[in-house]
Amino acid sequence: MAAPIIPASLSTPAIAPPSLAGTQPTGGAVFQSAFADAISRVESFQANAHSSVERFLNGEGEELHHVALATQQAELSFQLFMQVRNKIVSAYQEVMRMQV
């Protein structure tokens, strides 16, 4: 049985689909909550990387490869977020150029 390459503490949680139970939120509310959730996840990855670097620099027993993994995870999550944002802006601009 092989151990996972990335510890569970560094793995990204799965994105859950919006709940279908109860009242149905409007499309804008679903998008807004998904966007806010994505922003908070990127911020949490960056905060985790920052605290990992601080612990390493203070000599609190943080290992260098954990610091490198945390910073790369924060960087990749930010890059992914920016690419998704760019695609959303591009799609919005394309819809606005459509003639009715």
Protein backbone atom coordinates (compact mmCIF):
# COMPACT_ATOMS: atom_id res chain seq x y z
CA MET A 1 0.00 0.00 0.00
CA ALA A 2 1.67 3.21 -1.17
CA ALA A 3 1.40 6.41 0.82
CA PRO A 4 -0.20 9.40 -0.94
CA ILE A 5 2.29 11.75 -2.54
CA ILE A 6 0.56 14.89 -1.26
CA PRO A 7 -0.54 14.84 2.38
CA ALA A 8 -4.25 15.23 3.04
CA SER A 9 -3.61 18.59 4.71
CA LEU A 10 -2.31 20.02 1.40
CA SER A 11 -4.79 18.41 -0.99
CA THR A 12 -7.51 20.59 -2.45
CA PRO A 13 -11.04 19.73 -1.36
CA ALA A 14 -13.52 18.72 -4.03
CA ILE A 15 -15.86 21.43 -5.27
CA ALA A 16 -19.37 20.49 -4.27
CA PRO A 17 -22.23 21.29 -6.67
CA PRO A 18 -24.85 23.75 -5.46
CA SER A 19 -27.48 22.23 -3.24
CA LEU A 20 -30.74 21.33 -4.98
CA ALA A 21 -32.70 20.89 -1.76
CA GLY A 22 -35.00 23.63 -0.50
CA THR A 23 -35.42 26.87 -2.38
CA GLN A 24 -33.65 27.32 -5.68
CA PRO A 25 -31.36 30.36 -5.71
CA THR A 26 -31.23 32.42 -8.85
CA GLY A 27 -28.44 31.90 -11.35
CA GLY A 28 -26.70 35.07 -10.24
CA ALA A 29 -26.74 34.01 -6.60
CA VAL A 30 -25.26 30.60 -7.44
CA PHE A 31 -22.52 32.21 -9.51
CA GLN A 32 -21.82 34.77 -6.81
CA SER A 33 -21.50 32.13 -4.10
CA ALA A 34 -19.27 29.92 -6.31
CA PHE A 35 -17.06 32.91 -7.12
CA ALA A 36 -16.85 33.95 -3.47
CA ASP A 37 -15.99 30.36 -2.51
CA ALA A 38 -13.22 30.26 -5.11
CA ILE A 39 -11.78 33.52 -3.83
CA SER A 40 -11.82 32.29 -0.24
CA ARG A 41 -10.06 29.06 -1.23
CA VAL A 42 -7.32 30.94 -3.07
CA GLU A 43 -6.90 33.23 -0.06
CA SER A 44 -6.70 30.24 2.30
CA PHE A 45 -4.00 28.62 0.14
CA GLN A 46 -2.03 31.86 0.17
CA ALA A 47 -2.45 32.23 3.94
CA ASN A 48 -1.32 28.62 4.42
CA ALA A 49 1.77 29.24 2.27
CA HIS A 50 2.56 32.44 4.14
CA SER A 51 2.29 30.77 7.54
CA SER A 52 4.40 27.84 6.32
CA VAL A 53 7.14 30.22 5.16
CA GLU A 54 6.97 32.10 8.46
CA ARG A 55 7.29 28.86 10.47
CA PHE A 56 10.26 27.82 8.33
CA LEU A 57 12.03 31.16 8.71
CA ASN A 58 11.43 31.18 12.47
CA GLY A 59 12.93 27.70 12.80
CA GLU A 60 9.76 26.10 14.13
CA GLY A 61 10.44 22.73 12.52
CA GLU A 62 8.75 23.33 9.18
CA GLU A 63 10.44 21.26 6.49
CA LEU A 64 11.58 22.90 3.27
CA HIS A 65 9.65 20.57 0.97
CA HIS A 66 6.41 21.39 2.82
CA VAL A 67 7.12 25.07 2.31
CA ALA A 68 7.79 24.51 -1.40
CA LEU A 69 4.59 22.46 -1.79
CA ALA A 70 2.48 25.06 0.02
CA THR A 71 3.86 27.95 -2.03
CA GLN A 72 3.43 26.06 -5.32
CA GLN A 73 -0.12 25.13 -4.37
CA ALA A 74 -0.91 28.78 -3.61
CA GLU A 75 0.67 29.91 -6.88
CA LEU A 76 -1.13 27.29 -8.97
CA SER A 77 -4.49 27.98 -7.33
CA PHE A 78 -4.06 31.70 -8.05
CA GLN A 79 -3.08 31.05 -11.67
CA LEU A 80 -6.06 28.72 -12.14
CA PHE A 81 -8.38 31.30 -10.60
CA MET A 82 -7.05 34.02 -12.91
CA GLN A 83 -7.47 31.82 -15.99
CA VAL A 84 -11.06 30.98 -15.03
CA ARG A 85 -11.73 34.68 -14.40
CA ASN A 86 -10.27 35.56 -17.80
CA LYS A 87 -12.50 32.95 -19.50
CA ILE A 88 -15.56 34.30 -17.71
CA VAL A 89 -14.75 37.88 -18.74
CA SER A 90 -14.15 36.74 -22.30
CA ALA A 91 -17.48 34.89 -22.40
CA TYR A 92 -19.27 37.93 -20.97
CA GLN A 93 -17.70 40.19 -23.60
CA GLU A 94 -18.71 37.75 -26.33
CA VAL A 95 -22.32 37.71 -25.11
CA MET A 96 -22.37 41.51 -24.97
CA ARG A 97 -21.21 41.68 -28.62
CA MET A 98 -24.10 39.49 -29.78
CA GLN A 99 -26.79 41.24 -31.76
CA VAL A 100 -30.39 40.57 -30.91
